[in-house]
Amino acid sequence: MLPTAVNYAPEGTEAKAVAHQWLHALAYDFTPFAEKQGINKADLITLLKAEQLYTDQQSFKDKLPTLPIKPTQTSRFAFIDLFAGIGGI
């Protein structure tokens, strides 16, 4: 899938990011990136089936790793702005 993603990655974007979006699009029934350029879910599923990575949507969704939403480290810097603009005077 990654070699195919290279062809659709915009300048400045890694192919891994495109492939990542495609995997989640298949798992969660989203529109895949570059659909207007000719990529479609059926082609992506065919690529994954050839590598024996896809059987059905639910089992594929269960295989995807979960992404951390929260950073692993919390910042030690805290900032609060109590007065903004001329109104603070």
N, C-alpha and C. Protein backbone atom coordinates (compact mmCIF):
# COMPACT_ATOMS: atom_id res chain seq x y z
N MET A 1 0.83 -1.19 0.00
CA MET A 1 0.00 0.00 0.00
C MET A 1 0.87 1.25 0.00
N LEU A 2 2.00 1.19 0.70
CA LEU A 2 2.87 2.37 0.79
C LEU A 2 3.40 2.81 -0.57
N PRO A 3 3.82 1.88 -1.45
CA PRO A 3 4.25 2.34 -2.78
C PRO A 3 3.15 3.07 -3.55
N THR A 4 1.92 2.64 -3.38
CA THR A 4 0.79 3.32 -4.02
C THR A 4 0.57 4.70 -3.40
N ALA A 5 0.74 4.80 -2.09
CA ALA A 5 0.54 6.07 -1.39
C ALA A 5 1.55 7.13 -1.85
N VAL A 6 2.74 6.71 -2.24
CA VAL A 6 3.76 7.65 -2.72
C VAL A 6 3.22 8.43 -3.92
N ASN A 7 2.47 7.77 -4.77
CA ASN A 7 1.92 8.42 -5.97
C ASN A 7 0.86 9.47 -5.65
N TYR A 8 0.25 9.39 -4.47
CA TYR A 8 -0.85 10.28 -4.12
C TYR A 8 -0.50 11.28 -3.01
N ALA A 9 0.70 11.19 -2.47
CA ALA A 9 1.09 12.08 -1.37
C ALA A 9 1.38 13.48 -1.91
N PRO A 10 0.72 14.49 -1.37
CA PRO A 10 1.01 15.87 -1.79
C PRO A 10 2.44 16.25 -1.41
N GLU A 11 2.97 17.24 -2.09
CA GLU A 11 4.31 17.71 -1.79
C GLU A 11 4.40 18.13 -0.32
N GLY A 12 5.43 17.67 0.35
CA GLY A 12 5.62 17.99 1.75
C GLY A 12 4.93 17.02 2.69
N THR A 13 4.25 16.01 2.16
CA THR A 13 3.55 15.03 2.97
C THR A 13 4.21 13.67 2.79
N GLU A 14 4.38 12.96 3.87
CA GLU A 14 4.95 11.63 3.79
C GLU A 14 3.89 10.64 3.30
N ALA A 15 4.33 9.68 2.54
CA ALA A 15 3.43 8.64 2.03
C ALA A 15 2.82 7.85 3.18
N LYS A 16 3.55 7.74 4.30
CA LYS A 16 3.01 7.02 5.45
C LYS A 16 1.74 7.69 5.97
N ALA A 17 1.68 9.01 5.90
CA ALA A 17 0.49 9.73 6.37
C ALA A 17 -0.71 9.43 5.49
N VAL A 18 -0.48 9.35 4.19
CA VAL A 18 -1.56 9.02 3.26
C VAL A 18 -2.03 7.59 3.50
N ALA A 19 -1.10 6.66 3.64
CA ALA A 19 -1.45 5.26 3.89
C ALA A 19 -2.20 5.13 5.21
N HIS A 20 -1.78 5.87 6.20
CA HIS A 20 -2.45 5.85 7.51
C HIS A 20 -3.90 6.30 7.38
N GLN A 21 -4.12 7.37 6.62
CA GLN A 21 -5.49 7.85 6.43
C GLN A 21 -6.32 6.80 5.69
N TRP A 22 -5.72 6.18 4.69
CA TRP A 22 -6.44 5.15 3.93
C TRP A 22 -6.86 3.99 4.82
N LEU A 23 -5.96 3.54 5.70
CA LEU A 23 -6.28 2.42 6.58
C LEU A 23 -7.45 2.76 7.48
N HIS A 24 -7.43 3.96 8.04
CA HIS A 24 -8.54 4.37 8.90
C HIS A 24 -9.82 4.63 8.10
N ALA A 25 -9.67 5.08 6.89
CA ALA A 25 -10.86 5.28 6.04
C ALA A 25 -11.55 3.94 5.78
N LEU A 26 -10.78 2.90 5.57
CA LEU A 26 -11.36 1.58 5.34
C LEU A 26 -11.99 1.02 6.61
N ALA A 27 -11.31 1.20 7.73
CA ALA A 27 -11.79 0.65 8.99
C ALA A 27 -13.05 1.34 9.49
N TYR A 28 -13.12 2.66 9.29
CA TYR A 28 -14.23 3.43 9.85
C TYR A 28 -15.19 3.97 8.79
N ASP A 29 -15.05 3.48 7.58
CA ASP A 29 -15.94 3.83 6.47
C ASP A 29 -15.95 5.34 6.18
N PHE A 30 -14.74 5.92 6.11
CA PHE A 30 -14.56 7.31 5.71
C PHE A 30 -14.22 7.36 4.22
N THR A 31 -14.23 8.54 3.67
CA THR A 31 -13.79 8.74 2.30
C THR A 31 -12.26 8.74 2.27
N PRO A 32 -11.65 7.91 1.43
CA PRO A 32 -10.18 7.90 1.38
C PRO A 32 -9.62 9.14 0.72
N PHE A 33 -8.46 9.58 1.21
CA PHE A 33 -7.78 10.71 0.61
C PHE A 33 -7.45 10.39 -0.84
N ALA A 34 -7.54 11.35 -1.70
CA ALA A 34 -7.23 11.25 -3.14
C ALA A 34 -8.29 10.47 -3.92
N GLU A 35 -9.48 10.42 -3.38
CA GLU A 35 -10.57 9.74 -4.10
C GLU A 35 -10.84 10.44 -5.44
N LYS A 36 -10.75 11.76 -5.45
CA LYS A 36 -10.97 12.50 -6.69
C LYS A 36 -9.87 12.26 -7.72
N GLN A 37 -8.70 11.81 -7.24
CA GLN A 37 -7.58 11.51 -8.14
C GLN A 37 -7.60 10.05 -8.60
N GLY A 38 -8.59 9.29 -8.18
CA GLY A 38 -8.75 7.94 -8.69
C GLY A 38 -8.57 6.81 -7.71
N ILE A 39 -8.24 7.10 -6.46
CA ILE A 39 -8.10 6.02 -5.49
C ILE A 39 -9.50 5.67 -4.98
N ASN A 40 -9.77 4.40 -4.79
CA ASN A 40 -11.07 4.03 -4.23
C ASN A 40 -10.91 2.88 -3.26
N LYS A 41 -11.91 2.68 -2.44
CA LYS A 41 -11.85 1.68 -1.38
C LYS A 41 -11.64 0.27 -1.93
N ALA A 42 -12.28 -0.05 -3.04
CA ALA A 42 -12.15 -1.39 -3.60
C ALA A 42 -10.70 -1.70 -3.97
N ASP A 43 -10.01 -0.72 -4.56
CA ASP A 43 -8.60 -0.91 -4.92
C ASP A 43 -7.72 -1.08 -3.67
N LEU A 44 -8.01 -0.30 -2.65
CA LEU A 44 -7.24 -0.40 -1.41
C LEU A 44 -7.46 -1.75 -0.74
N ILE A 45 -8.70 -2.20 -0.73
CA ILE A 45 -9.01 -3.51 -0.14
C ILE A 45 -8.32 -4.61 -0.91
N THR A 46 -8.28 -4.50 -2.23
CA THR A 46 -7.59 -5.50 -3.06
C THR A 46 -6.11 -5.56 -2.70
N LEU A 47 -5.48 -4.39 -2.51
CA LEU A 47 -4.07 -4.35 -2.12
C LEU A 47 -3.85 -5.03 -0.76
N LEU A 48 -4.74 -4.76 0.18
CA LEU A 48 -4.60 -5.35 1.50
C LEU A 48 -4.90 -6.84 1.50
N LYS A 49 -5.85 -7.27 0.71
CA LYS A 49 -6.16 -8.70 0.62
C LYS A 49 -5.01 -9.47 0.00
N ALA A 50 -4.31 -8.86 -0.94
CA ALA A 50 -3.16 -9.51 -1.56
C ALA A 50 -2.07 -9.78 -0.52
N GLU A 51 -2.00 -8.94 0.49
CA GLU A 51 -1.02 -9.12 1.57
C GLU A 51 -1.62 -9.87 2.76
N GLN A 52 -2.83 -10.38 2.60
CA GLN A 52 -3.56 -11.11 3.63
C GLN A 52 -3.75 -10.28 4.91
N LEU A 53 -4.03 -9.01 4.73
CA LEU A 53 -4.24 -8.10 5.85
C LEU A 53 -5.70 -7.71 6.04
N TYR A 54 -6.54 -8.06 5.09
CA TYR A 54 -7.94 -7.64 5.15
C TYR A 54 -8.85 -8.81 4.82
N THR A 55 -9.79 -9.07 5.71
CA THR A 55 -10.83 -10.06 5.41
C THR A 55 -12.20 -9.40 5.41
N ASP A 56 -12.46 -8.61 6.46
CA ASP A 56 -13.71 -7.84 6.52
C ASP A 56 -13.46 -6.58 7.34
N GLN A 57 -14.39 -5.66 7.27
CA GLN A 57 -14.19 -4.35 7.89
C GLN A 57 -14.02 -4.44 9.40
N GLN A 58 -14.84 -5.21 10.07
CA GLN A 58 -14.78 -5.28 11.54
C GLN A 58 -13.47 -5.88 12.02
N SER A 59 -13.04 -6.98 11.42
CA SER A 59 -11.78 -7.58 11.86
C SER A 59 -10.59 -6.68 11.53
N PHE A 60 -10.69 -5.96 10.41
CA PHE A 60 -9.63 -5.02 10.07
C PHE A 60 -9.59 -3.88 11.07
N LYS A 61 -10.75 -3.38 11.45
CA LYS A 61 -10.84 -2.30 12.43
C LYS A 61 -10.23 -2.74 13.77
N ASP A 62 -10.48 -3.98 14.15
CA ASP A 62 -9.95 -4.51 15.41
C ASP A 62 -8.42 -4.64 15.38
N LYS A 63 -7.86 -4.81 14.19
CA LYS A 63 -6.40 -4.96 14.06
C LYS A 63 -5.65 -3.64 14.15
N LEU A 64 -6.31 -2.55 13.82
CA LEU A 64 -5.62 -1.25 13.82
C LEU A 64 -5.18 -0.86 15.22
N PRO A 65 -3.95 -0.38 15.34
CA PRO A 65 -3.51 0.06 16.66
C PRO A 65 -4.25 1.34 17.05
N THR A 66 -4.43 1.51 18.33
CA THR A 66 -5.07 2.74 18.79
C THR A 66 -4.02 3.84 18.86
N LEU A 67 -4.44 5.02 18.54
CA LEU A 67 -3.54 6.17 18.54
C LEU A 67 -3.72 6.94 19.84
N PRO A 68 -2.59 7.32 20.47
CA PRO A 68 -2.73 8.11 21.70
C PRO A 68 -3.25 9.51 21.38
N ILE A 69 -4.24 9.92 22.10
CA ILE A 69 -4.81 11.25 21.89
C ILE A 69 -4.04 12.26 22.74
N LYS A 70 -3.62 11.84 23.91
CA LYS A 70 -2.94 12.71 24.85
C LYS A 70 -1.42 12.54 24.71
N PRO A 71 -0.66 13.62 24.78
CA PRO A 71 0.80 13.49 24.72
C PRO A 71 1.31 12.62 25.87
N THR A 72 2.43 11.95 25.66
CA THR A 72 2.98 11.09 26.71
C THR A 72 3.54 11.90 27.87
N GLN A 73 4.01 13.10 27.61
CA GLN A 73 4.53 13.95 28.67
C GLN A 73 3.64 15.18 28.80
N THR A 74 3.43 15.59 30.02
CA THR A 74 2.70 16.84 30.21
C THR A 74 3.71 17.97 30.29
N SER A 75 3.35 19.08 29.78
CA SER A 75 4.23 20.24 29.77
C SER A 75 4.37 20.81 31.17
N ARG A 76 5.58 21.25 31.50
CA ARG A 76 5.80 21.86 32.81
C ARG A 76 5.55 23.36 32.73
N PHE A 77 5.31 23.88 31.56
CA PHE A 77 5.06 25.29 31.38
C PHE A 77 3.55 25.55 31.45
N ALA A 78 3.17 26.48 32.28
CA ALA A 78 1.76 26.85 32.37
C ALA A 78 1.66 28.36 32.16
N PHE A 79 0.62 28.78 31.49
CA PHE A 79 0.46 30.19 31.18
C PHE A 79 -1.01 30.56 31.30
N ILE A 80 -1.26 31.70 31.89
CA ILE A 80 -2.62 32.21 31.93
C ILE A 80 -2.56 33.71 31.64
N ASP A 81 -3.43 34.17 30.80
CA ASP A 81 -3.50 35.58 30.44
C ASP A 81 -4.80 36.13 31.01
N LEU A 82 -4.67 36.85 32.10
CA LEU A 82 -5.86 37.38 32.78
C LEU A 82 -6.32 38.70 32.16
N PHE A 83 -5.40 39.44 31.55
CA PHE A 83 -5.75 40.74 30.99
C PHE A 83 -5.29 40.78 29.54
N ALA A 84 -6.18 41.07 28.66
CA ALA A 84 -5.84 41.13 27.25
C ALA A 84 -6.24 42.50 26.71
N GLY A 85 -5.32 43.15 26.05
CA GLY A 85 -5.63 44.42 25.41
C GLY A 85 -5.70 45.58 26.38
N ILE A 86 -6.29 46.66 25.96
CA ILE A 86 -6.34 47.90 26.74
C ILE A 86 -7.26 47.78 27.95
N GLY A 87 -8.17 46.83 27.91
CA GLY A 87 -9.12 46.68 29.02
C GLY A 87 -8.46 46.25 30.32
N GLY A 88 -7.26 45.70 30.25
CA GLY A 88 -6.55 45.28 31.45
C GLY A 88 -5.94 46.42 32.24
N ILE A 89 -5.89 47.60 31.68
CA ILE A 89 -5.28 48.73 32.37
C ILE A 89 -6.32 49.30 33.25
